[in-house]
Amino acid sequence: MRTAEHPSTVSSTGEPSETAPKQRHLSIDERRVVLCSIASDAHSWNLVYVQLLLEELGYHVNNLGPCTPEALVVDECVRTRPGLLVVSTVNGHGRIEGQRLARALRRHPRLHHLPMVIGGKLGVDGVSTPMLQRLIDAGFDAVFDDSRTDLSEFTELVARLTRPVADVPPRDNRLTPAATGR
């Protein structure tokens, strides 16, 4: 795993970087996670697995399904203001489409602080440190390649970036987006 805040993050030269952690401000609904894939990935089993894992951890999940267009991800994140975006991919094109998605999200003024992670089969020829770093540089807070089978790093990161439902007081659902300024 590579993270934007973890000291083992690598620099663009592939050397360890001791830079200060990126500061991310949590969105309004810290218990909401938007889950998606990349536009070219038609697999859904990975999304179901990640959704069930996040729900077991106490989060509300908006699963956007496979072949998720970038515009839909941006629109859903603006609409729901989640505490985290999780991108899961298994077709090997995550390194390319993930960078494009991250940049689109970071360009949006309401989403530039949204915590985002990507994981799965990110390249058809395996992964490299420069590939992982490009995803971090594009805007992801953490990158999990498919060689990792231990979920503890992922679940610990999710816990650091968000709060599960049990820790969040109930919201008044009668408020409209216009009334809350969203």
Protein backbone atom coordinates (compact mmCIF):
# COMPACT_ATOMS: atom_id res chain seq x y z
CA MET A 1 0.00 0.00 0.00
CA ARG A 2 1.11 3.52 -0.73
CA THR A 3 -0.55 6.45 1.01
CA ALA A 4 -0.35 10.18 0.70
CA GLU A 5 0.23 10.47 4.43
CA HIS A 6 2.31 7.39 5.13
CA PRO A 7 6.08 7.95 5.56
CA SER A 8 6.83 5.09 3.18
CA THR A 9 5.24 6.99 0.32
CA VAL A 10 7.62 7.12 -2.60
CA SER A 11 8.75 10.20 -4.46
CA SER A 12 8.58 10.64 -8.23
CA THR A 13 12.13 9.24 -8.40
CA GLY A 14 11.03 6.05 -6.63
CA GLU A 15 12.85 6.91 -3.42
CA PRO A 16 11.08 7.01 -0.03
CA SER A 17 9.66 10.43 0.73
CA GLU A 18 9.53 11.87 4.22
CA THR A 19 7.19 14.70 3.24
CA ALA A 20 4.50 15.96 5.55
CA PRO A 21 1.11 14.22 5.39
CA LYS A 22 -1.54 15.60 3.05
CA GLN A 23 -4.31 17.23 5.02
CA ARG A 24 -7.80 16.14 3.99
CA HIS A 25 -10.93 17.65 5.42
CA LEU A 26 -13.75 15.21 5.99
CA SER A 27 -16.92 15.74 4.05
CA ILE A 28 -20.27 16.29 5.71
CA ASP A 29 -21.42 12.64 5.76
CA GLU A 30 -18.38 10.83 7.18
CA ARG A 31 -20.34 7.57 7.47
CA ARG A 32 -21.16 7.47 3.74
CA VAL A 33 -18.81 5.73 1.29
CA VAL A 34 -19.22 5.94 -2.47
CA LEU A 35 -17.95 2.76 -4.11
CA CYS A 36 -17.30 2.47 -7.84
CA SER A 37 -15.18 0.91 -10.51
CA ILE A 38 -13.56 2.46 -13.55
CA ALA A 39 -15.49 3.02 -16.77
CA SER A 40 -14.01 0.03 -18.63
CA ASP A 41 -14.35 -2.50 -15.79
CA ALA A 42 -17.47 -4.69 -16.08
CA HIS A 43 -16.69 -6.85 -13.04
CA SER A 44 -19.12 -6.62 -10.14
CA TRP A 45 -18.03 -9.34 -7.67
CA ASN A 46 -15.26 -7.10 -6.33
CA LEU A 47 -17.72 -4.28 -5.73
CA VAL A 48 -20.11 -6.56 -3.84
CA TYR A 49 -17.25 -7.87 -1.69
CA VAL A 50 -15.99 -4.38 -0.82
CA GLN A 51 -19.53 -3.17 -0.14
CA LEU A 52 -20.17 -6.04 2.29
CA LEU A 53 -16.83 -5.40 4.02
CA LEU A 54 -17.57 -1.68 4.46
CA GLU A 55 -21.09 -2.38 5.68
CA GLU A 56 -19.73 -4.87 8.23
CA LEU A 57 -17.44 -2.08 9.42
CA GLY A 58 -20.49 0.14 9.96
CA TYR A 59 -20.61 2.37 6.88
CA HIS A 60 -23.45 3.25 4.51
CA VAL A 61 -22.33 2.39 0.97
CA ASN A 62 -23.52 3.85 -2.33
CA ASN A 63 -22.37 1.18 -4.78
CA LEU A 64 -22.40 2.72 -8.26
CA GLY A 65 -21.76 -0.64 -9.92
CA PRO A 66 -19.42 -1.68 -12.71
CA CYS A 67 -18.45 0.42 -15.74
CA THR A 68 -18.90 3.61 -13.75
CA PRO A 69 -18.57 6.74 -15.94
CA GLU A 70 -16.38 9.48 -14.47
CA ALA A 71 -19.22 12.01 -14.65
CA LEU A 72 -21.48 9.74 -12.58
CA VAL A 73 -18.80 9.38 -9.88
CA VAL A 74 -18.28 13.14 -9.72
CA ASP A 75 -22.02 13.86 -9.66
CA GLU A 76 -22.71 11.25 -6.96
CA CYS A 77 -19.89 12.55 -4.77
CA VAL A 78 -21.15 16.12 -5.12
CA ARG A 79 -24.74 15.02 -4.41
CA THR A 80 -24.07 12.77 -1.40
CA ARG A 81 -20.90 14.42 0.03
CA PRO A 82 -19.41 11.13 1.24
CA GLY A 83 -16.63 10.75 3.76
CA LEU A 84 -14.71 8.47 1.38
CA LEU A 85 -14.56 7.30 -2.23
CA VAL A 86 -13.38 3.72 -2.85
CA VAL A 87 -12.47 2.70 -6.42
CA SER A 88 -12.16 -1.06 -6.97
CA THR A 89 -10.98 -2.51 -10.24
CA VAL A 90 -9.94 -5.94 -11.50
CA ASN A 91 -9.46 -5.52 -15.26
CA GLY A 92 -5.91 -4.15 -15.15
CA HIS A 93 -6.66 -0.64 -16.41
CA GLY A 94 -6.92 1.07 -13.01
CA ARG A 95 -3.57 2.78 -13.37
CA ILE A 96 -4.76 4.69 -16.44
CA GLU A 97 -8.44 5.34 -15.75
CA GLY A 98 -7.85 5.78 -12.03
CA GLN A 99 -5.52 8.71 -12.65
CA ARG A 100 -8.06 10.35 -14.94
CA LEU A 101 -10.86 9.85 -12.38
CA ALA A 102 -8.77 11.20 -9.50
CA ARG A 103 -7.86 14.32 -11.47
CA ALA A 104 -11.50 14.93 -12.41
CA LEU A 105 -12.53 14.68 -8.76
CA ARG A 106 -9.68 16.88 -7.51
CA ARG A 107 -10.55 19.57 -10.09
CA HIS A 108 -14.07 19.92 -8.70
CA PRO A 109 -14.19 22.66 -6.03
CA ARG A 110 -16.47 20.63 -3.73
CA LEU A 111 -14.40 17.46 -3.97
CA HIS A 112 -10.77 18.49 -3.82
CA HIS A 113 -10.53 17.36 -0.16
CA LEU A 114 -12.53 14.13 -0.54
CA PRO A 115 -10.53 11.15 0.79
CA MET A 116 -10.09 8.64 -2.05
CA VAL A 117 -8.54 5.19 -2.32
CA ILE A 118 -8.10 2.82 -5.24
CA GLY A 119 -7.34 -0.86 -5.21
CA GLY A 120 -7.31 -4.07 -7.18
CA LYS A 121 -5.58 -5.15 -10.36
CA LEU A 122 -4.16 -1.82 -11.40
CA GLY A 123 -2.01 -2.92 -14.34
CA VAL A 124 -2.02 -5.79 -16.79
CA ASP A 125 1.75 -6.28 -16.34
CA GLY A 126 1.78 -6.02 -12.55
CA VAL A 127 2.55 -2.91 -10.54
CA SER A 128 5.59 -0.76 -10.06
CA THR A 129 6.51 1.89 -7.55
CA PRO A 130 6.30 4.68 -10.18
CA MET A 131 2.81 3.46 -11.18
CA LEU A 132 1.63 3.57 -7.58
CA GLN A 133 3.16 7.01 -7.13
CA ARG A 134 1.38 8.36 -10.23
CA LEU A 135 -1.95 7.34 -8.69
CA ILE A 136 -1.01 9.13 -5.44
CA ASP A 137 0.13 12.18 -7.41
CA ALA A 138 -3.18 12.19 -9.30
CA GLY A 139 -5.01 12.56 -5.99
CA PHE A 140 -5.59 9.20 -4.32
CA ASP A 141 -4.86 9.06 -0.60
CA ALA A 142 -3.94 5.38 -0.78
CA VAL A 143 -3.34 2.71 -3.41
CA PHE A 144 -3.80 -1.01 -2.78
CA ASP A 145 -2.49 -3.35 -5.47
CA ASP A 146 -3.83 -6.86 -5.95
CA SER A 147 -0.79 -8.52 -4.39
CA ARG A 148 -2.12 -7.58 -0.95
CA THR A 149 -4.38 -10.10 0.72
CA ASP A 150 -4.35 -8.69 4.25
CA LEU A 151 -7.28 -6.31 4.65
CA SER A 152 -6.04 -4.75 7.90
CA GLU A 153 -4.25 -1.84 6.17
CA PHE A 154 -7.39 -1.02 4.21
CA THR A 155 -9.73 -1.23 7.20
CA GLU A 156 -7.35 0.82 9.37
CA LEU A 157 -7.12 3.50 6.69
CA VAL A 158 -10.91 3.63 6.31
CA ALA A 159 -11.22 4.04 10.08
CA ARG A 160 -8.70 6.91 10.06
CA LEU A 161 -10.40 8.72 7.19
CA THR A 162 -14.01 8.30 8.32
CA ARG A 163 -16.18 7.35 11.27
CA PRO A 164 -18.54 4.36 11.26
CA VAL A 165 -22.27 4.83 11.64
CA ALA A 166 -22.25 3.92 15.34
CA ASP A 167 -20.05 6.96 16.09
CA VAL A 168 -22.16 9.46 14.16
CA PRO A 169 -25.25 11.04 15.72
CA PRO A 170 -28.43 10.70 13.64
CA ARG A 171 -29.00 13.46 11.11
CA ASP A 172 -32.24 15.31 10.59
CA ASN A 173 -33.29 13.93 7.21
CA ARG A 174 -35.88 16.66 6.77
CA LEU A 175 -33.18 19.16 5.73
CA THR A 176 -32.96 19.70 2.00
CA PRO A 177 -29.74 20.31 0.11
CA ALA A 178 -30.79 23.94 -0.42
CA ALA A 179 -31.35 24.42 3.31
CA THR A 180 -27.92 23.00 4.19
CA GLY A 181 -26.03 24.91 1.53
CA ARG A 182 -25.04 21.74 -0.36
